[in-house]
N, C-alpha and C. Protein backbone atom coordinates (compact mmCIF):
# COMPACT_ATOMS: atom_id res chain seq x y z
N UNK A 1 0.85 -1.17 0.00
CA UNK A 1 0.00 0.00 0.00
C UNK A 1 0.90 1.25 0.00
N UNK A 2 0.66 2.13 -0.91
CA UNK A 2 1.51 3.31 -1.10
C UNK A 2 1.54 4.20 0.14
N UNK A 3 0.39 4.48 0.73
CA UNK A 3 0.34 5.35 1.91
C UNK A 3 1.20 4.79 3.03
N UNK A 4 1.05 3.53 3.30
CA UNK A 4 1.81 2.90 4.39
C UNK A 4 3.31 2.94 4.11
N UNK A 5 3.70 2.68 2.88
CA UNK A 5 5.12 2.69 2.52
C UNK A 5 5.71 4.10 2.61
N UNK A 6 5.00 5.09 2.10
CA UNK A 6 5.51 6.46 2.07
C UNK A 6 5.56 7.11 3.46
N UNK A 7 4.60 6.79 4.31
CA UNK A 7 4.54 7.43 5.63
C UNK A 7 5.15 6.58 6.74
N UNK A 8 5.48 5.32 6.42
CA UNK A 8 5.98 4.37 7.41
C UNK A 8 4.99 4.19 8.56
N UNK A 9 3.70 4.24 8.23
CA UNK A 9 2.62 4.11 9.21
C UNK A 9 2.50 2.66 9.66
N UNK A 10 2.44 2.44 10.95
CA UNK A 10 2.32 1.09 11.51
C UNK A 10 0.92 0.83 12.06
N UNK A 11 0.05 1.82 12.01
CA UNK A 11 -1.30 1.69 12.57
C UNK A 11 -2.27 1.12 11.54
N UNK A 12 -3.43 0.72 12.01
CA UNK A 12 -4.47 0.18 11.14
C UNK A 12 -5.03 1.27 10.25
N UNK A 13 -5.18 0.97 8.98
CA UNK A 13 -5.76 1.91 8.03
C UNK A 13 -7.15 1.42 7.66
N UNK A 14 -8.16 2.29 7.82
CA UNK A 14 -9.53 1.93 7.51
C UNK A 14 -10.04 2.80 6.37
N UNK A 15 -10.59 2.16 5.36
CA UNK A 15 -11.15 2.89 4.23
C UNK A 15 -12.60 3.25 4.54
N UNK A 16 -12.90 4.54 4.56
CA UNK A 16 -14.25 5.03 4.83
C UNK A 16 -14.76 5.78 3.62
N UNK A 17 -16.02 5.56 3.29
CA UNK A 17 -16.64 6.21 2.14
C UNK A 17 -17.77 7.11 2.62
N UNK A 18 -17.80 8.34 2.12
CA UNK A 18 -18.91 9.26 2.37
C UNK A 18 -19.61 9.44 1.03
N UNK A 19 -20.86 8.97 0.94
CA UNK A 19 -21.57 8.97 -0.33
C UNK A 19 -22.99 9.50 -0.17
N UNK A 20 -23.62 9.81 -1.28
CA UNK A 20 -25.00 10.28 -1.22
C UNK A 20 -25.99 9.15 -1.02
N UNK A 21 -25.78 8.01 -1.66
CA UNK A 21 -26.74 6.91 -1.60
C UNK A 21 -26.14 5.59 -1.12
N UNK A 22 -24.88 5.58 -0.73
CA UNK A 22 -24.25 4.34 -0.29
C UNK A 22 -23.46 3.69 -1.40
N UNK A 23 -22.71 2.68 -1.03
CA UNK A 23 -21.89 2.00 -2.04
C UNK A 23 -22.67 0.84 -2.63
N UNK A 24 -22.40 0.56 -3.88
CA UNK A 24 -23.02 -0.57 -4.55
C UNK A 24 -22.25 -1.83 -4.17
N UNK A 25 -22.96 -2.86 -3.80
CA UNK A 25 -22.31 -4.12 -3.42
C UNK A 25 -21.75 -4.79 -4.66
N UNK A 26 -20.44 -5.03 -4.64
CA UNK A 26 -19.77 -5.75 -5.72
C UNK A 26 -18.53 -6.42 -5.16
N UNK A 27 -17.66 -6.93 -6.00
CA UNK A 27 -16.50 -7.67 -5.50
C UNK A 27 -15.48 -6.79 -4.80
N UNK A 28 -15.54 -5.47 -4.97
CA UNK A 28 -14.60 -4.55 -4.33
C UNK A 28 -15.18 -3.88 -3.08
N UNK A 29 -16.47 -3.93 -2.88
CA UNK A 29 -17.09 -3.20 -1.77
C UNK A 29 -16.69 -3.75 -0.41
N UNK A 30 -16.18 -4.96 -0.35
CA UNK A 30 -15.80 -5.54 0.94
C UNK A 30 -14.57 -4.87 1.55
N UNK A 31 -13.82 -4.09 0.77
CA UNK A 31 -12.63 -3.42 1.32
C UNK A 31 -13.00 -2.16 2.10
N UNK A 32 -14.25 -1.69 1.96
CA UNK A 32 -14.70 -0.49 2.67
C UNK A 32 -15.08 -0.87 4.09
N UNK A 33 -14.44 -0.22 5.06
CA UNK A 33 -14.68 -0.52 6.47
C UNK A 33 -15.89 0.22 7.01
N UNK A 34 -16.02 1.50 6.66
CA UNK A 34 -17.11 2.34 7.16
C UNK A 34 -17.78 3.05 5.99
N UNK A 35 -19.08 3.25 6.14
CA UNK A 35 -19.85 3.92 5.10
C UNK A 35 -20.78 4.94 5.76
N UNK A 36 -20.71 6.18 5.29
CA UNK A 36 -21.60 7.24 5.77
C UNK A 36 -22.41 7.71 4.57
N UNK A 37 -23.75 7.69 4.72
CA UNK A 37 -24.61 8.13 3.63
C UNK A 37 -25.25 9.46 3.99
N UNK A 38 -25.86 10.09 3.02
CA UNK A 38 -26.45 11.42 3.19
C UNK A 38 -27.43 11.46 4.36
N UNK A 39 -28.24 10.43 4.52
CA UNK A 39 -29.22 10.41 5.61
C UNK A 39 -28.55 10.40 6.98
N UNK A 40 -27.34 9.89 7.08
CA UNK A 40 -26.61 9.90 8.35
C UNK A 40 -26.17 11.31 8.73
N UNK A 41 -26.00 12.19 7.74
CA UNK A 41 -25.51 13.53 8.00
C UNK A 41 -26.63 14.53 8.31
N UNK A 42 -27.83 14.26 7.81
CA UNK A 42 -28.94 15.19 7.98
C UNK A 42 -30.12 14.49 8.63
N UNK A 43 -30.66 15.12 9.67
CA UNK A 43 -31.79 14.57 10.39
C UNK A 43 -33.08 14.86 9.64
N UNK A 44 -33.94 13.85 9.55
CA UNK A 44 -35.24 14.06 8.93
C UNK A 44 -36.17 14.75 9.92
N UNK A 45 -36.87 15.78 9.49
CA UNK A 45 -37.77 16.53 10.36
C UNK A 45 -39.19 16.28 9.97
């Protein structure tokens, strides 16, 4: 991983996505650790 190599980071790296409607489930979506969607940011009144 480029970030880890360049920064010499030894801590856990978590991939988080902030999206309007969420991520589409596919063969790559399992690498996303956290997902924040638009509804999480704004309260419905």
